[in-house]
Amino acid sequence: MTTDALSQLKFPIGPFIAPENVDGQQLDDLIKTIESAPAQYRRQTENLSHEQLQRTYRDGSWTVQQLVTHVADMQLLHYFRMRRTLTEDYKEVTLVNIDGWANSADAINTPVRDSLALLDAMTTRFVILMRSLTPAQQDIAYYHPIRKIMLTQKQAIAMSAWHVRHHLEHIRIALST
């Protein structure tokens, strides 16, 4: 497989690039992307067979089941980061071992419907919190040590929206092979 083909499979919608500025309409559109994600994931995955849930979008990648669990986990983490930002002196994001989490017993064995339920519930809470942010809160930033950038809450929302779209496309690729 060529480097370009591999890159296209890894980043089918392109890598995340933090927007310089996010205006009110863009922010609303990003939040709507996040808000609609649980329904999109449910439509793509709720009636899949065990064999379909074990498909991958490229050699060595996570399965569809792991992707759904990962997205639910990261939605919880993004929500957690925002809440900490708003309530504490939180200057550097909390990181997790995403491969470790994706390969834990619950990620591999929990029914997808449970991950979808978690994604749905977390998204409801996350959307309420995002929509409550004042302009000053939207500009509170923290450092992301893996990406090596400061992210405002508006940019973090953009990253969350990119994340749900990114992995939904991975699932579509896995199911089309």
N, C-alpha and C. Protein backbone atom coordinates (compact mmCIF):
# COMPACT_ATOMS: atom_id res chain seq x y z
N MET A 1 0.85 -1.18 0.00
CA MET A 1 0.00 0.00 0.00
C MET A 1 0.89 1.24 0.00
N THR A 2 0.54 2.20 -0.83
CA THR A 2 1.34 3.42 -0.92
C THR A 2 1.13 4.27 0.33
N THR A 3 2.05 5.18 0.56
CA THR A 3 1.95 6.10 1.69
C THR A 3 0.70 6.96 1.57
N ASP A 4 0.39 7.41 0.36
CA ASP A 4 -0.82 8.23 0.15
C ASP A 4 -2.09 7.43 0.44
N ALA A 5 -2.13 6.18 -0.01
CA ALA A 5 -3.31 5.34 0.23
C ALA A 5 -3.48 5.07 1.73
N LEU A 6 -2.39 4.82 2.42
CA LEU A 6 -2.44 4.59 3.86
C LEU A 6 -2.89 5.84 4.59
N SER A 7 -2.36 6.97 4.18
CA SER A 7 -2.76 8.24 4.79
C SER A 7 -4.25 8.49 4.57
N GLN A 8 -4.75 8.17 3.38
CA GLN A 8 -6.17 8.36 3.08
C GLN A 8 -7.04 7.46 3.97
N LEU A 9 -6.57 6.25 4.26
CA LEU A 9 -7.33 5.38 5.16
C LEU A 9 -7.24 5.85 6.61
N LYS A 10 -6.08 6.33 7.02
CA LYS A 10 -5.93 6.82 8.39
C LYS A 10 -6.73 8.09 8.62
N PHE A 11 -6.72 8.97 7.63
CA PHE A 11 -7.37 10.28 7.77
C PHE A 11 -8.30 10.53 6.58
N PRO A 12 -9.40 9.78 6.50
CA PRO A 12 -10.27 9.88 5.32
C PRO A 12 -10.92 11.25 5.14
N ILE A 13 -11.06 12.03 6.20
CA ILE A 13 -11.59 13.39 6.06
C ILE A 13 -10.47 14.42 6.24
N GLY A 14 -9.23 13.94 6.27
CA GLY A 14 -8.08 14.81 6.49
C GLY A 14 -7.75 14.88 7.96
N PRO A 15 -6.51 15.24 8.29
CA PRO A 15 -6.13 15.37 9.69
C PRO A 15 -6.80 16.59 10.33
N PHE A 16 -6.91 16.59 11.65
CA PHE A 16 -7.48 17.74 12.34
C PHE A 16 -6.51 18.91 12.27
N ILE A 17 -7.03 20.04 11.86
CA ILE A 17 -6.28 21.29 11.89
C ILE A 17 -7.14 22.27 12.67
N ALA A 18 -6.60 22.76 13.78
CA ALA A 18 -7.35 23.69 14.63
C ALA A 18 -7.64 24.97 13.85
N PRO A 19 -8.90 25.35 13.76
CA PRO A 19 -9.22 26.60 13.07
C PRO A 19 -8.69 27.80 13.86
N GLU A 20 -8.24 28.81 13.14
CA GLU A 20 -7.74 30.02 13.80
C GLU A 20 -8.85 30.70 14.58
N ASN A 21 -10.00 30.82 13.94
CA ASN A 21 -11.12 31.51 14.55
C ASN A 21 -12.40 30.72 14.25
N VAL A 22 -13.30 30.71 15.20
CA VAL A 22 -14.59 30.04 15.02
C VAL A 22 -15.66 31.07 15.35
N ASP A 23 -16.45 31.45 14.34
CA ASP A 23 -17.51 32.43 14.61
C ASP A 23 -18.75 31.73 15.15
N GLY A 24 -19.76 32.51 15.46
CA GLY A 24 -20.97 31.97 16.08
C GLY A 24 -21.68 30.92 15.25
N GLN A 25 -21.83 31.17 13.95
CA GLN A 25 -22.50 30.19 13.08
C GLN A 25 -21.68 28.92 12.94
N GLN A 26 -20.37 29.06 12.80
CA GLN A 26 -19.50 27.89 12.70
C GLN A 26 -19.57 27.07 13.98
N LEU A 27 -19.57 27.75 15.13
CA LEU A 27 -19.66 27.04 16.41
C LEU A 27 -20.97 26.28 16.50
N ASP A 28 -22.06 26.92 16.10
CA ASP A 28 -23.36 26.25 16.12
C ASP A 28 -23.35 25.03 15.21
N ASP A 29 -22.75 25.15 14.02
CA ASP A 29 -22.66 24.01 13.10
C ASP A 29 -21.82 22.88 13.68
N LEU A 30 -20.73 23.21 14.35
CA LEU A 30 -19.88 22.19 14.98
C LEU A 30 -20.64 21.45 16.07
N ILE A 31 -21.37 22.20 16.88
CA ILE A 31 -22.16 21.57 17.96
C ILE A 31 -23.24 20.68 17.35
N LYS A 32 -23.86 21.11 16.27
CA LYS A 32 -24.88 20.28 15.61
C LYS A 32 -24.25 18.99 15.06
N THR A 33 -23.02 19.07 14.57
CA THR A 33 -22.32 17.87 14.10
C THR A 33 -22.16 16.88 15.25
N ILE A 34 -21.74 17.38 16.39
CA ILE A 34 -21.56 16.53 17.57
C ILE A 34 -22.92 15.98 18.03
N GLU A 35 -23.91 16.84 18.05
CA GLU A 35 -25.24 16.44 18.51
C GLU A 35 -25.86 15.35 17.64
N SER A 36 -25.60 15.38 16.35
CA SER A 36 -26.18 14.39 15.44
C SER A 36 -25.38 13.09 15.39
N ALA A 37 -24.19 13.07 15.96
CA ALA A 37 -23.33 11.89 15.87
C ALA A 37 -23.95 10.61 16.44
N PRO A 38 -24.56 10.62 17.62
CA PRO A 38 -25.11 9.35 18.13
C PRO A 38 -26.10 8.70 17.17
N ALA A 39 -26.97 9.48 16.56
CA ALA A 39 -27.94 8.91 15.62
C ALA A 39 -27.23 8.34 14.39
N GLN A 40 -26.20 9.03 13.93
CA GLN A 40 -25.46 8.54 12.77
C GLN A 40 -24.73 7.23 13.10
N TYR A 41 -24.11 7.18 14.27
CA TYR A 41 -23.42 5.95 14.67
C TYR A 41 -24.42 4.81 14.86
N ARG A 42 -25.57 5.13 15.42
CA ARG A 42 -26.61 4.10 15.62
C ARG A 42 -27.06 3.55 14.27
N ARG A 43 -27.34 4.44 13.33
CA ARG A 43 -27.78 3.98 11.99
C ARG A 43 -26.74 3.09 11.33
N GLN A 44 -25.47 3.40 11.51
CA GLN A 44 -24.41 2.64 10.86
C GLN A 44 -24.15 1.29 11.52
N THR A 45 -24.43 1.17 12.83
CA THR A 45 -23.91 0.01 13.56
C THR A 45 -24.91 -0.83 14.34
N GLU A 46 -26.09 -0.36 14.63
CA GLU A 46 -26.93 -1.07 15.60
C GLU A 46 -27.42 -2.43 15.11
N ASN A 47 -27.52 -2.64 13.83
CA ASN A 47 -28.04 -3.92 13.33
C ASN A 47 -26.97 -4.79 12.68
N LEU A 48 -25.72 -4.53 13.00
CA LEU A 48 -24.63 -5.30 12.40
C LEU A 48 -24.46 -6.65 13.08
N SER A 49 -24.03 -7.61 12.32
CA SER A 49 -23.71 -8.93 12.87
C SER A 49 -22.37 -8.84 13.61
N HIS A 50 -22.08 -9.88 14.37
CA HIS A 50 -20.79 -9.95 15.06
C HIS A 50 -19.64 -9.86 14.06
N GLU A 51 -19.80 -10.53 12.95
CA GLU A 51 -18.74 -10.53 11.92
C GLU A 51 -18.54 -9.12 11.34
N GLN A 52 -19.61 -8.41 11.10
CA GLN A 52 -19.50 -7.05 10.58
C GLN A 52 -18.84 -6.12 11.61
N LEU A 53 -19.16 -6.33 12.88
CA LEU A 53 -18.56 -5.50 13.94
C LEU A 53 -17.06 -5.76 14.09
N GLN A 54 -16.58 -6.87 13.55
CA GLN A 54 -15.16 -7.19 13.64
C GLN A 54 -14.36 -6.72 12.42
N ARG A 55 -15.02 -6.10 11.48
CA ARG A 55 -14.32 -5.58 10.29
C ARG A 55 -13.45 -4.38 10.68
N THR A 56 -12.42 -4.18 9.89
CA THR A 56 -11.51 -3.05 10.10
C THR A 56 -11.43 -2.22 8.82
N TYR A 57 -11.00 -0.98 8.97
CA TYR A 57 -10.90 -0.10 7.81
C TYR A 57 -9.54 -0.16 7.14
N ARG A 58 -8.56 -0.80 7.80
CA ARG A 58 -7.25 -1.06 7.20
C ARG A 58 -6.57 -2.12 8.05
N ASP A 59 -5.55 -2.77 7.51
CA ASP A 59 -4.81 -3.77 8.28
C ASP A 59 -4.27 -3.16 9.56
N GLY A 60 -4.50 -3.85 10.66
CA GLY A 60 -3.98 -3.41 11.95
C GLY A 60 -4.80 -2.33 12.63
N SER A 61 -5.92 -1.95 12.06
CA SER A 61 -6.73 -0.90 12.69
C SER A 61 -7.74 -1.51 13.66
N TRP A 62 -8.42 -0.62 14.35
CA TRP A 62 -9.47 -1.05 15.27
C TRP A 62 -10.66 -1.59 14.49
N THR A 63 -11.42 -2.46 15.16
CA THR A 63 -12.65 -2.99 14.57
C THR A 63 -13.75 -1.95 14.67
N VAL A 64 -14.84 -2.19 13.97
CA VAL A 64 -16.00 -1.31 14.06
C VAL A 64 -16.45 -1.22 15.52
N GLN A 65 -16.49 -2.36 16.20
CA GLN A 65 -16.90 -2.35 17.62
C GLN A 65 -15.98 -1.47 18.46
N GLN A 66 -14.67 -1.61 18.25
CA GLN A 66 -13.72 -0.78 19.00
C GLN A 66 -13.88 0.70 18.65
N LEU A 67 -14.18 1.00 17.40
CA LEU A 67 -14.36 2.40 17.00
C LEU A 67 -15.56 3.03 17.71
N VAL A 68 -16.66 2.30 17.79
CA VAL A 68 -17.84 2.84 18.47
C VAL A 68 -17.53 3.07 19.95
N THR A 69 -16.86 2.11 20.57
CA THR A 69 -16.49 2.25 21.97
C THR A 69 -15.54 3.42 22.15
N HIS A 70 -14.57 3.55 21.26
CA HIS A 70 -13.60 4.65 21.33
C HIS A 70 -14.29 6.00 21.23
N VAL A 71 -15.21 6.14 20.31
CA VAL A 71 -15.89 7.43 20.15
C VAL A 71 -16.69 7.76 21.41
N ALA A 72 -17.37 6.79 21.99
CA ALA A 72 -18.10 7.03 23.24
C ALA A 72 -17.13 7.42 24.36
N ASP A 73 -16.01 6.71 24.45
CA ASP A 73 -15.00 7.03 25.47
C ASP A 73 -14.46 8.44 25.29
N MET A 74 -14.15 8.81 24.06
CA MET A 74 -13.55 10.12 23.81
C MET A 74 -14.58 11.24 23.97
N GLN A 75 -15.85 10.95 23.69
CA GLN A 75 -16.88 11.96 23.95
C GLN A 75 -16.92 12.26 25.44
N LEU A 76 -16.82 11.22 26.25
CA LEU A 76 -16.75 11.40 27.70
C LEU A 76 -15.51 12.19 28.09
N LEU A 77 -14.38 11.89 27.48
CA LEU A 77 -13.13 12.60 27.79
C LEU A 77 -13.22 14.07 27.37
N HIS A 78 -13.75 14.35 26.20
CA HIS A 78 -13.87 15.74 25.75
C HIS A 78 -14.79 16.53 26.68
N TYR A 79 -15.87 15.91 27.10
CA TYR A 79 -16.79 16.53 28.06
C TYR A 79 -16.08 16.79 29.39
N PHE A 80 -15.34 15.80 29.86
CA PHE A 80 -14.57 15.91 31.10
C PHE A 80 -13.57 17.06 31.02
N ARG A 81 -12.86 17.16 29.91
CA ARG A 81 -11.88 18.24 29.74
C ARG A 81 -12.55 19.60 29.80
N MET A 82 -13.70 19.73 29.13
CA MET A 82 -14.40 21.01 29.13
C MET A 82 -14.88 21.37 30.53
N ARG A 83 -15.42 20.41 31.23
CA ARG A 83 -15.89 20.68 32.60
C ARG A 83 -14.74 21.07 33.51
N ARG A 84 -13.62 20.40 33.36
CA ARG A 84 -12.45 20.77 34.18
C ARG A 84 -11.97 22.17 33.83
N THR A 85 -11.98 22.50 32.54
CA THR A 85 -11.56 23.83 32.10
C THR A 85 -12.43 24.90 32.74
N LEU A 86 -13.71 24.64 32.82
CA LEU A 86 -14.65 25.63 33.34
C LEU A 86 -14.66 25.73 34.86
N THR A 87 -14.17 24.70 35.55
CA THR A 87 -14.31 24.66 37.01
C THR A 87 -12.99 24.62 37.77
N GLU A 88 -11.88 24.45 37.07
CA GLU A 88 -10.58 24.32 37.73
C GLU A 88 -9.53 25.13 36.98
N ASP A 89 -8.37 25.20 37.57
CA ASP A 89 -7.21 25.77 36.88
C ASP A 89 -6.59 24.64 36.07
N TYR A 90 -7.09 24.44 34.89
CA TYR A 90 -6.78 23.27 34.05
C TYR A 90 -6.02 23.75 32.83
N LYS A 91 -4.72 23.55 32.83
CA LYS A 91 -3.87 24.12 31.78
C LYS A 91 -3.37 23.11 30.76
N GLU A 92 -3.42 21.82 31.08
CA GLU A 92 -2.94 20.79 30.15
C GLU A 92 -3.94 19.65 30.17
N VAL A 93 -4.34 19.18 28.97
CA VAL A 93 -5.39 18.17 28.89
C VAL A 93 -4.97 16.84 29.51
N THR A 94 -5.96 16.15 30.00
CA THR A 94 -5.79 14.79 30.48
C THR A 94 -5.69 13.88 29.27
N LEU A 95 -4.64 13.07 29.25
CA LEU A 95 -4.44 12.12 28.17
C LEU A 95 -4.74 10.71 28.65
N VAL A 96 -5.12 9.86 27.72
CA VAL A 96 -5.35 8.45 28.03
C VAL A 96 -4.63 7.62 26.98
N ASN A 97 -4.41 6.37 27.30
CA ASN A 97 -3.81 5.43 26.36
C ASN A 97 -4.94 4.88 25.49
N ILE A 98 -5.18 5.51 24.34
CA ILE A 98 -6.34 5.14 23.53
C ILE A 98 -6.25 3.72 22.99
N ASP A 99 -5.05 3.25 22.67
CA ASP A 99 -4.92 1.86 22.22
C ASP A 99 -5.22 0.90 23.36
N GLY A 100 -4.75 1.23 24.55
CA GLY A 100 -5.05 0.42 25.72
C GLY A 100 -6.54 0.38 26.00
N TRP A 101 -7.18 1.54 25.93
CA TRP A 101 -8.62 1.59 26.14
C TRP A 101 -9.36 0.80 25.07
N ALA A 102 -8.94 0.93 23.81
CA ALA A 102 -9.63 0.24 22.70
C ALA A 102 -9.46 -1.27 22.77
N ASN A 103 -8.44 -1.73 23.49
CA ASN A 103 -8.19 -3.17 23.61
C ASN A 103 -8.55 -3.72 24.97
N SER A 104 -9.19 -2.93 25.82
CA SER A 104 -9.61 -3.43 27.13
C SER A 104 -10.80 -4.38 26.95
N ALA A 105 -11.02 -5.20 27.96
CA ALA A 105 -12.08 -6.22 27.87
C ALA A 105 -13.44 -5.61 27.57
N ASP A 106 -13.75 -4.47 28.19
CA ASP A 106 -15.07 -3.87 27.94
C ASP A 106 -15.18 -3.34 26.52
N ALA A 107 -14.09 -2.82 25.96
CA ALA A 107 -14.13 -2.30 24.58
C ALA A 107 -14.35 -3.42 23.58
N ILE A 108 -13.84 -4.58 23.89
CA ILE A 108 -13.94 -5.71 22.97
C ILE A 108 -15.22 -6.52 23.17
N ASN A 109 -15.71 -6.59 24.41
CA ASN A 109 -16.81 -7.50 24.73
C ASN A 109 -18.16 -6.85 25.03
N THR A 110 -18.19 -5.56 25.31
CA THR A 110 -19.46 -4.93 25.61
C THR A 110 -20.29 -4.80 24.33
N PRO A 111 -21.56 -5.11 24.39
CA PRO A 111 -22.40 -4.94 23.20
C PRO A 111 -22.36 -3.49 22.69
N VAL A 112 -22.36 -3.35 21.38
CA VAL A 112 -22.30 -2.02 20.76
C VAL A 112 -23.46 -1.15 21.26
N ARG A 113 -24.61 -1.76 21.53
CA ARG A 113 -25.76 -0.96 21.99
C ARG A 113 -25.43 -0.22 23.28
N ASP A 114 -24.57 -0.79 24.13
CA ASP A 114 -24.19 -0.11 25.36
C ASP A 114 -23.28 1.07 25.08
N SER A 115 -22.36 0.92 24.14
CA SER A 115 -21.51 2.05 23.75
C SER A 115 -22.33 3.14 23.09
N LEU A 116 -23.32 2.75 22.30
CA LEU A 116 -24.20 3.72 21.66
C LEU A 116 -25.03 4.47 22.71
N ALA A 117 -25.47 3.76 23.75
CA ALA A 117 -26.23 4.41 24.83
C ALA A 117 -25.34 5.41 25.57
N LEU A 118 -24.10 5.03 25.83
CA LEU A 118 -23.16 5.95 26.49
C LEU A 118 -22.91 7.16 25.60
N LEU A 119 -22.67 6.94 24.32
CA LEU A 119 -22.44 8.05 23.39
C LEU A 119 -23.64 8.98 23.37
N ASP A 120 -24.83 8.42 23.33
CA ASP A 120 -26.04 9.24 23.31
C ASP A 120 -26.17 10.07 24.58
N ALA A 121 -26.02 9.46 25.73
CA ALA A 121 -26.16 10.18 27.00
C ALA A 121 -25.08 11.24 27.17
N MET A 122 -23.84 10.89 26.85
CA MET A 122 -22.75 11.86 27.01
C MET A 122 -22.91 13.03 26.05
N THR A 123 -23.38 12.74 24.86
CA THR A 123 -23.55 13.80 23.88
C THR A 123 -24.62 14.78 24.33
N THR A 124 -25.69 14.28 24.91
CA THR A 124 -26.74 15.16 25.42
C THR A 124 -26.16 16.13 26.45
N ARG A 125 -25.41 15.60 27.40
CA ARG A 125 -24.80 16.45 28.44
C ARG A 125 -23.78 17.39 27.83
N PHE A 126 -22.95 16.90 26.93
CA PHE A 126 -21.90 17.69 26.30
C PHE A 126 -22.50 18.86 25.51
N VAL A 127 -23.55 18.60 24.76
CA VAL A 127 -24.19 19.65 23.96
C VAL A 127 -24.78 20.74 24.87
N ILE A 128 -25.43 20.34 25.95
CA ILE A 128 -25.96 21.32 26.90
C ILE A 128 -24.82 22.19 27.42
N LEU A 129 -23.71 21.58 27.79
CA LEU A 129 -22.58 22.34 28.30
C LEU A 129 -21.99 23.25 27.23
N MET A 130 -21.79 22.74 26.02
CA MET A 130 -21.22 23.57 24.95
C MET A 130 -22.10 24.77 24.66
N ARG A 131 -23.39 24.57 24.62
CA ARG A 131 -24.32 25.68 24.31
C ARG A 131 -24.41 26.69 25.45
N SER A 132 -23.98 26.32 26.64
CA SER A 132 -24.04 27.23 27.78
C SER A 132 -22.82 28.15 27.89
N LEU A 133 -21.79 27.88 27.09
CA LEU A 133 -20.55 28.64 27.22
C LEU A 133 -20.74 30.11 26.86
N THR A 134 -20.21 30.96 27.72
CA THR A 134 -20.19 32.40 27.41
C THR A 134 -19.04 32.65 26.43
N PRO A 135 -19.03 33.79 25.76
CA PRO A 135 -17.88 34.10 24.90
C PRO A 135 -16.54 34.02 25.63
N ALA A 136 -16.49 34.46 26.86
CA ALA A 136 -15.24 34.38 27.62
C ALA A 136 -14.86 32.92 27.88
N GLN A 137 -15.82 32.08 28.20
CA GLN A 137 -15.53 30.66 28.44
C GLN A 137 -15.10 29.96 27.15
N GLN A 138 -15.66 30.36 26.03
CA GLN A 138 -15.28 29.77 24.75
C GLN A 138 -13.80 30.01 24.43
N ASP A 139 -13.25 31.06 24.98
CA ASP A 139 -11.85 31.41 24.70
C ASP A 139 -10.86 30.86 25.72
N ILE A 140 -11.33 30.19 26.76
CA ILE A 140 -10.41 29.58 27.72
C ILE A 140 -9.64 28.47 27.01
N ALA A 141 -8.34 28.48 27.17
CA ALA A 141 -7.50 27.53 26.42
C ALA A 141 -6.74 26.61 27.36
N TYR A 142 -6.38 25.47 26.83
CA TYR A 142 -5.47 24.54 27.50
C TYR A 142 -4.48 24.00 26.48
N TYR A 143 -3.43 23.40 27.00
CA TYR A 143 -2.38 22.86 26.14
C TYR A 143 -2.66 21.39 25.87
N HIS A 144 -2.51 21.00 24.61
CA HIS A 144 -2.65 19.60 24.21
C HIS A 144 -1.25 19.08 23.90
N PRO A 145 -0.66 18.29 24.80
CA PRO A 145 0.74 17.90 24.63
C PRO A 145 1.04 16.98 23.45
N ILE A 146 0.07 16.22 22.97
CA ILE A 146 0.33 15.37 21.81
C ILE A 146 0.29 16.21 20.54
N ARG A 147 -0.69 17.09 20.45
CA ARG A 147 -0.80 17.96 19.28
C ARG A 147 0.16 19.15 19.36
N LYS A 148 0.66 19.41 20.57
CA LYS A 148 1.60 20.50 20.84
C LYS A 148 1.03 21.86 20.45
N ILE A 149 -0.23 22.06 20.83
CA ILE A 149 -0.89 23.34 20.57
C ILE A 149 -1.77 23.73 21.76
N MET A 150 -2.02 25.01 21.87
CA MET A 150 -3.04 25.51 22.79
C MET A 150 -4.37 25.45 22.05
N LEU A 151 -5.40 24.99 22.73
CA LEU A 151 -6.74 24.91 22.15
C LEU A 151 -7.72 25.71 23.01
N THR A 152 -8.44 26.62 22.37
CA THR A 152 -9.55 27.26 23.07
C THR A 152 -10.70 26.25 23.13
N GLN A 153 -11.71 26.56 23.89
CA GLN A 153 -12.87 25.66 23.94
C GLN A 153 -13.57 25.59 22.59
N LYS A 154 -13.57 26.70 21.83
CA LYS A 154 -14.14 26.67 20.48
C LYS A 154 -13.34 25.71 19.60
N GLN A 155 -12.03 25.75 19.72
CA GLN A 155 -11.19 24.84 18.92
C GLN A 155 -11.34 23.40 19.40
N ALA A 156 -11.52 23.22 20.71
CA ALA A 156 -11.75 21.87 21.24
C ALA A 156 -13.07 21.31 20.72
N ILE A 157 -14.08 22.16 20.59
CA ILE A 157 -15.35 21.74 20.01
C ILE A 157 -15.13 21.33 18.54
N ALA A 158 -14.32 22.11 17.83
CA ALA A 158 -14.00 21.77 16.43
C ALA A 158 -13.30 20.41 16.37
N MET A 159 -12.39 20.15 17.32
CA MET A 159 -11.70 18.86 17.36
C MET A 159 -12.68 17.73 17.65
N SER A 160 -13.61 17.95 18.55
CA SER A 160 -14.62 16.92 18.87
C SER A 160 -15.50 16.63 17.66
N ALA A 161 -15.90 17.67 16.95
CA ALA A 161 -16.72 17.48 15.74
C ALA A 161 -15.93 16.72 14.68
N TRP A 162 -14.67 17.10 14.50
CA TRP A 162 -13.82 16.38 13.55
C TRP A 162 -13.72 14.91 13.96
N HIS A 163 -13.53 14.65 15.25
CA HIS A 163 -13.32 13.30 15.76
C HIS A 163 -14.51 12.38 15.44
N VAL A 164 -15.74 12.86 15.68
CA VAL A 164 -16.89 12.00 15.41
C VAL A 164 -17.05 11.75 13.91
N ARG A 165 -16.76 12.74 13.09
CA ARG A 165 -16.84 12.56 11.63
C ARG A 165 -15.74 11.61 11.14
N HIS A 166 -14.53 11.78 11.68
CA HIS A 166 -13.35 10.99 11.31
C HIS A 166 -13.61 9.49 11.50
N HIS A 167 -14.10 9.11 12.67
CA HIS A 167 -14.31 7.68 12.94
C HIS A 167 -15.59 7.14 12.29
N LEU A 168 -16.58 7.98 12.07
CA LEU A 168 -17.75 7.53 11.32
C LEU A 168 -17.32 7.14 9.91
N GLU A 169 -16.43 7.89 9.33
CA GLU A 169 -15.92 7.55 8.00
C GLU A 169 -15.11 6.26 8.05
N HIS A 170 -14.34 6.03 9.12
CA HIS A 170 -13.63 4.76 9.27
C HIS A 170 -14.61 3.59 9.27
N ILE A 171 -15.72 3.76 9.97
CA ILE A 171 -16.73 2.69 10.02
C ILE A 171 -17.31 2.45 8.63
N ARG A 172 -17.60 3.51 7.92
CA ARG A 172 -18.16 3.36 6.56
C ARG A 172 -17.17 2.62 5.66
N ILE A 173 -15.89 2.95 5.78
CA ILE A 173 -14.86 2.26 4.97
C ILE A 173 -14.82 0.77 5.34
N ALA A 174 -14.82 0.50 6.65
CA ALA A 174 -14.75 -0.90 7.10
C ALA A 174 -15.94 -1.70 6.58
N LEU A 175 -17.10 -1.11 6.60
CA LEU A 175 -18.32 -1.82 6.19
C LEU A 175 -18.44 -1.95 4.67
N SER A 176 -17.70 -1.13 3.94
CA SER A 176 -17.77 -1.20 2.48
C SER A 176 -16.78 -2.19 1.88
N THR A 177 -15.90 -2.75 2.71
CA THR A 177 -14.90 -3.69 2.18
C THR A 177 -15.40 -5.11 2.23
